[in-house]
Amino acid sequence: MTSAHPHDAQIRSLYAAYLDGWNRRSGAAVAACFADDGDIVGYDGTHHHGRLAIAADLRQIFGSHQTAAYVAVIRSVRAAAPGVAVLLAHAGMIPPGGTDVEPQFHTVHTMVAVDDGGGRWRIQLLQATPAAWHQHPEARDALTEELRGLLAPQ
C-alpha cells in the first residue's frame, strides 16, 4: 500500500478545481489549474500546450460545442519525485442534457502535479485515456455503478 502524499488534500483539490472548471465550461478556470507550460491531452488525443493556449482553445471548444460533464473518483495520489505528484482517477462523462454517465466514454485521468515553488500545486500534465475495458466488461460495469453512486439524486 502506498502512503498518502504529504500534500494529498491540495492535489485532490487541484483535480477537483479542474473538474469544476470543465463542468462549468470555463476555459479560464481550467487553465488556471495548469502550470505556465502545462499540457492537456484530451480523450480524443487532442493536445493543448501552455496555460494561455489551454484557456484560448477551451474557450473556443466550450463556445462552439456542448461538452460532457465529468464525475470522477480519485484512485491514488503518490509522490513521483520531490515537488512532483501523480494522481490517478476514473471519470465518467454525462452527456449534455443527460443525467447519467455513458459507460462507453469512461476515462482514466492521469494528472502530474508540480509544486510551483511557493507551495501552490499546478497541473503539469493531464492525460485522458479511454477506459473501454473490452476484455473486462464486469470492471466497466462496476465503475459505471460506482460513478452513478456519486451523482446527485434527481
Protein backbone atom coordinates (compact mmCIF):
# COMPACT_ATOMS: atom_id res chain seq x y z
CA MET A 1 0.00 0.00 0.00
CA THR A 2 1.28 3.45 -0.93
CA SER A 3 1.34 6.00 1.88
CA ALA A 4 -0.61 9.21 1.43
CA HIS A 5 1.18 12.06 -0.28
CA PRO A 6 2.12 14.83 2.19
CA HIS A 7 0.11 17.29 0.06
CA ASP A 8 -2.70 14.86 -0.72
CA ALA A 9 -5.52 17.31 0.08
CA GLN A 10 -4.03 20.09 -2.06
CA ILE A 11 -3.53 17.79 -5.04
CA ARG A 12 -7.04 16.36 -4.74
CA SER A 13 -8.39 19.92 -4.55
CA LEU A 14 -6.45 20.83 -7.69
CA TYR A 15 -8.06 17.95 -9.59
CA ALA A 16 -11.48 18.95 -8.21
CA ALA A 17 -10.88 22.52 -9.42
CA TYR A 18 -10.01 21.18 -12.89
CA LEU A 19 -13.25 19.15 -12.99
CA ASP A 20 -15.27 22.11 -11.71
CA GLY A 21 -13.83 24.41 -14.38
CA TRP A 22 -14.55 21.84 -17.07
CA ASN A 23 -18.08 21.21 -15.83
CA ARG A 24 -18.75 24.98 -15.73
CA ARG A 25 -17.36 25.13 -19.28
CA SER A 26 -14.81 27.78 -18.30
CA GLY A 27 -11.58 27.73 -20.27
CA ALA A 28 -10.11 30.29 -17.87
CA ALA A 29 -10.96 28.20 -14.79
CA VAL A 30 -9.49 25.05 -16.33
CA ALA A 31 -6.33 26.86 -17.45
CA ALA A 32 -5.86 28.41 -14.00
CA CYS A 33 -5.13 24.90 -12.70
CA PHE A 34 -2.17 24.43 -15.05
CA ALA A 35 1.49 25.35 -14.89
CA ASP A 36 2.52 28.02 -17.39
CA ASP A 37 3.97 25.31 -19.65
CA GLY A 38 1.42 22.62 -18.74
CA ASP A 39 -0.12 20.17 -21.16
CA ILE A 40 -3.51 18.57 -21.53
CA VAL A 41 -4.12 15.58 -23.77
CA GLY A 42 -7.82 15.06 -24.27
CA TYR A 43 -9.90 11.93 -24.60
CA ASP A 44 -9.65 12.12 -28.40
CA GLY A 45 -5.89 12.72 -28.36
CA THR A 46 -6.09 16.48 -28.83
CA HIS A 47 -3.06 18.19 -27.28
CA HIS A 48 -3.03 21.69 -25.81
CA HIS A 49 0.24 23.17 -24.54
CA GLY A 50 0.66 26.10 -22.19
CA ARG A 51 -1.77 27.79 -19.84
CA LEU A 52 -2.64 30.59 -22.30
CA ALA A 53 -3.26 28.17 -25.17
CA ILE A 54 -5.32 25.90 -22.93
CA ALA A 55 -7.52 28.84 -21.94
CA ALA A 56 -7.98 30.03 -25.54
CA ASP A 57 -8.51 26.56 -27.00
CA LEU A 58 -11.03 25.52 -24.36
CA ARG A 59 -12.85 28.84 -24.60
CA GLN A 60 -13.31 28.10 -28.31
CA ILE A 61 -14.35 24.47 -27.67
CA PHE A 62 -16.82 25.40 -24.92
CA GLY A 63 -18.21 28.19 -27.08
CA SER A 64 -18.83 26.01 -30.11
CA HIS A 65 -19.64 22.56 -28.67
CA GLN A 66 -21.80 21.16 -25.94
CA THR A 67 -19.33 19.18 -23.87
CA ALA A 68 -20.00 16.35 -21.48
CA ALA A 69 -19.63 16.92 -17.73
CA TYR A 70 -17.34 14.79 -15.59
CA VAL A 71 -17.94 12.83 -12.42
CA ALA A 72 -14.84 11.15 -11.04
CA VAL A 73 -13.33 9.05 -8.30
CA ILE A 74 -9.69 9.51 -7.34
CA ARG A 75 -7.84 6.22 -7.03
CA SER A 76 -4.47 7.40 -5.78
CA VAL A 77 -2.14 10.33 -5.15
CA ARG A 78 1.52 9.47 -4.83
CA ALA A 79 4.90 11.15 -4.92
CA ALA A 80 6.93 10.78 -8.12
CA ALA A 81 9.83 12.99 -7.00
CA PRO A 82 10.27 15.94 -4.65
CA GLY A 83 7.65 18.50 -5.65
CA VAL A 84 6.01 16.13 -8.15
CA ALA A 85 2.90 14.01 -7.60
CA VAL A 86 0.84 11.68 -9.76
CA LEU A 87 -2.93 11.44 -9.32
CA LEU A 88 -4.93 8.65 -10.95
CA ALA A 89 -8.69 8.89 -11.29
CA HIS A 90 -11.52 7.18 -13.13
CA ALA A 91 -14.06 9.54 -14.64
CA GLY A 92 -17.41 9.18 -16.30
CA MET A 93 -18.95 11.57 -18.77
CA ILE A 94 -22.51 12.83 -18.56
CA PRO A 95 -23.69 13.97 -21.99
CA PRO A 96 -25.18 17.46 -22.41
CA GLY A 97 -28.75 17.43 -21.13
CA GLY A 98 -28.22 13.96 -19.64
CA THR A 99 -28.42 12.75 -16.08
CA ASP A 100 -26.40 9.54 -16.27
CA VAL A 101 -22.87 8.51 -17.19
CA GLU A 102 -22.30 6.89 -20.57
CA PRO A 103 -20.18 3.75 -19.98
CA GLN A 104 -18.63 3.85 -23.46
CA PHE A 105 -16.98 7.17 -22.54
CA HIS A 106 -15.35 6.22 -19.22
CA THR A 107 -11.84 7.57 -18.94
CA VAL A 108 -8.71 7.28 -16.87
CA HIS A 109 -7.27 10.64 -15.87
CA THR A 110 -3.55 10.70 -15.16
CA MET A 111 -2.53 14.01 -13.64
CA VAL A 112 1.05 15.05 -12.95
CA ALA A 113 1.09 17.91 -10.46
CA VAL A 114 4.07 20.09 -9.59
CA ASP A 115 4.76 22.39 -6.68
CA ASP A 116 5.35 25.80 -8.24
CA GLY A 117 7.91 26.59 -5.56
CA GLY A 118 5.55 28.58 -3.40
CA GLY A 119 3.65 25.61 -2.05
CA ARG A 120 0.98 26.03 -4.71
CA TRP A 121 0.37 22.98 -6.87
CA ARG A 122 -0.30 23.18 -10.60
CA ILE A 123 -1.09 20.59 -13.25
CA GLN A 124 1.92 19.91 -15.46
CA LEU A 125 0.15 17.21 -17.47
CA LEU A 126 -3.37 15.86 -17.57
CA GLN A 127 -3.91 12.87 -19.85
CA ALA A 128 -7.37 11.43 -20.54
CA THR A 129 -7.29 7.82 -21.74
CA PRO A 130 -10.44 5.94 -22.81
CA ALA A 131 -11.33 3.20 -20.32
CA ALA A 132 -13.23 0.83 -22.59
CA TRP A 133 -12.01 -2.33 -20.86
CA HIS A 134 -13.13 -4.51 -23.77
CA GLN A 135 -11.71 -7.64 -22.13
CA HIS A 136 -13.25 -6.84 -18.73
CA PRO A 137 -16.86 -5.68 -19.13
CA GLU A 138 -17.53 -6.52 -15.48
CA ALA A 139 -14.95 -3.91 -14.42
CA ARG A 140 -16.56 -1.32 -16.71
CA ASP A 141 -19.98 -2.17 -15.24
CA ALA A 142 -18.64 -1.87 -11.69
CA LEU A 143 -17.13 1.53 -12.49
CA THR A 144 -20.41 2.65 -14.02
CA GLU A 145 -22.26 1.77 -10.81
CA GLU A 146 -19.61 3.43 -8.65
CA LEU A 147 -19.81 6.66 -10.69
CA ARG A 148 -23.60 6.59 -10.65
CA GLY A 149 -23.39 6.47 -6.88
CA LEU A 150 -21.63 9.85 -6.96
CA LEU A 151 -24.37 11.55 -8.95
CA ALA A 152 -26.77 13.82 -7.11
CA PRO A 153 -30.28 12.35 -6.85
CA GLN A 154 -32.59 13.77 -9.48
